[in-house]
Protein backbone atom coordinates (compact mmCIF):
# COMPACT_ATOMS: atom_id res chain seq x y z
CA MET A 1 -37.10 -130.92 -110.81
CA ASN A 2 -36.65 -131.68 -107.27
CA LEU A 3 -38.80 -128.94 -106.17
CA THR A 4 -41.66 -130.44 -108.12
CA ARG A 5 -41.27 -133.92 -106.70
CA ILE A 6 -41.09 -132.44 -103.17
CA GLY A 7 -44.24 -130.38 -103.85
CA ASN A 8 -46.02 -133.47 -105.25
CA TRP A 9 -45.19 -135.85 -102.36
CA ALA A 10 -46.26 -132.97 -99.93
CA ALA A 11 -49.57 -132.58 -101.68
CA ASP A 12 -50.07 -136.38 -101.79
CA GLY A 13 -49.45 -136.68 -98.14
CA PHE A 14 -46.98 -134.75 -96.35
CA SER A 15 -46.86 -136.81 -93.09
CA THR A 16 -46.49 -140.24 -94.69
CA ARG A 17 -43.74 -139.05 -97.11
CA LYS A 18 -41.84 -136.70 -94.60
CA GLU A 19 -38.67 -138.77 -94.62
CA LYS A 20 -38.40 -138.89 -98.38
CA ILE A 21 -39.19 -135.09 -98.44
CA GLN A 22 -36.40 -134.37 -95.89
CA ILE A 23 -33.92 -136.49 -97.96
CA PHE A 24 -34.64 -134.51 -101.11
CA LEU A 25 -34.66 -131.22 -99.31
CA LYS A 26 -31.16 -132.00 -98.12
CA ASN A 27 -29.96 -132.88 -101.63
CA THR A 28 -31.61 -129.63 -102.96
CA ASP A 29 -29.94 -127.71 -100.22
CA ARG A 30 -26.64 -129.08 -101.38
CA TYR A 31 -27.45 -128.23 -105.01
CA PHE A 32 -28.26 -124.69 -104.34
CA ASP A 33 -25.38 -124.19 -101.89
CA SER A 34 -23.08 -125.10 -104.93
CA LEU A 35 -24.57 -122.36 -107.06
CA ALA A 36 -23.49 -119.68 -104.28
CA GLY A 37 -21.45 -117.06 -105.74
CA THR A 38 -22.71 -117.78 -109.35
CA ARG A 39 -23.41 -114.63 -111.45
CA PHE A 40 -26.59 -115.18 -113.10
CA PRO A 41 -27.94 -113.01 -116.08
CA LYS A 42 -29.86 -109.91 -115.39
CA ASN A 43 -32.99 -111.37 -116.54
CA PHE A 44 -32.86 -114.46 -114.15
CA ALA A 45 -31.15 -113.06 -111.10
CA PRO A 46 -34.16 -111.36 -109.45
CA THR A 47 -36.22 -114.39 -109.88
CA TYR A 48 -33.54 -116.63 -108.21
CA ASN A 49 -32.96 -114.16 -105.41
CA ARG A 50 -36.81 -114.05 -104.67
CA PHE A 51 -36.71 -117.97 -104.72
CA GLN A 52 -33.98 -118.21 -102.41
CA SER A 53 -35.66 -115.99 -99.88
CA GLU A 54 -38.84 -118.15 -100.23
CA TYR A 55 -37.19 -121.47 -100.05
CA ARG A 56 -35.26 -120.44 -96.87
CA GLN A 57 -38.78 -119.80 -95.36
CA LEU A 58 -40.25 -123.06 -96.53
CA ARG A 59 -37.09 -124.77 -95.16
CA LYS A 60 -37.58 -123.22 -91.81
CA ASN A 61 -40.96 -125.00 -91.31
CA PRO A 62 -40.29 -128.84 -91.41
CA ASN A 63 -43.90 -129.43 -90.11
CA PRO A 64 -46.03 -126.86 -91.87
CA GLN A 65 -49.61 -126.30 -90.44
CA ASN A 66 -51.02 -126.36 -93.90
CA PRO A 67 -49.01 -128.88 -95.93
CA LEU A 68 -51.13 -128.20 -99.19
CA VAL A 69 -50.06 -124.43 -99.07
CA TRP A 70 -46.45 -125.51 -98.48
CA ALA A 71 -46.52 -128.01 -101.34
CA GLU A 72 -48.18 -125.42 -103.66
CA LYS A 73 -45.19 -122.94 -103.12
CA MET A 74 -42.60 -125.82 -103.75
CA LEU A 75 -44.62 -126.75 -107.01
CA THR A 76 -44.96 -123.21 -108.04
CA TRP A 77 -41.10 -122.51 -107.66
CA GLY A 78 -40.24 -125.68 -109.51
CA ASN A 79 -42.32 -124.64 -112.48
CA ILE A 80 -41.02 -120.97 -112.44
CA LEU A 81 -37.40 -122.02 -112.16
CA THR A 82 -37.87 -124.66 -114.87
CA HIS A 83 -39.40 -122.27 -117.37
CA ARG A 84 -37.04 -119.36 -116.51
CA ALA A 85 -34.00 -121.56 -116.86
CA LYS A 86 -35.10 -122.47 -120.48
CA LEU A 87 -34.87 -118.78 -121.24
CA LEU A 88 -31.14 -118.78 -120.30
CA ASN A 89 -30.05 -121.02 -123.14
C-alpha cells in the first residue's frame, strides 16, 4: 500500500512531495526490514527477492532524473506485491 502511495505522489509531483515520500520510504524500509529472515512460500519468494533488489536500486536514487519512471516502478511493485500477497491466503 505504501508503495502505491509513494508512486502516486512521485507521479503527481516528486519535487513538491519529496519530504512526504521520504517519510513513507523510511516507514516502508522498517517494514521490509522486519520481514528479514521470513521464509516465504516457494511461489512468492522469487517475486519478493526481485522486488527487494529493485527496491534497493530505487532507494539509492533520492533524486531520480526521471521521476515518472521512478514512480511507475513503485506503482508496479505495489500492484505486483498486492496481487501476489492475495495468492498466499
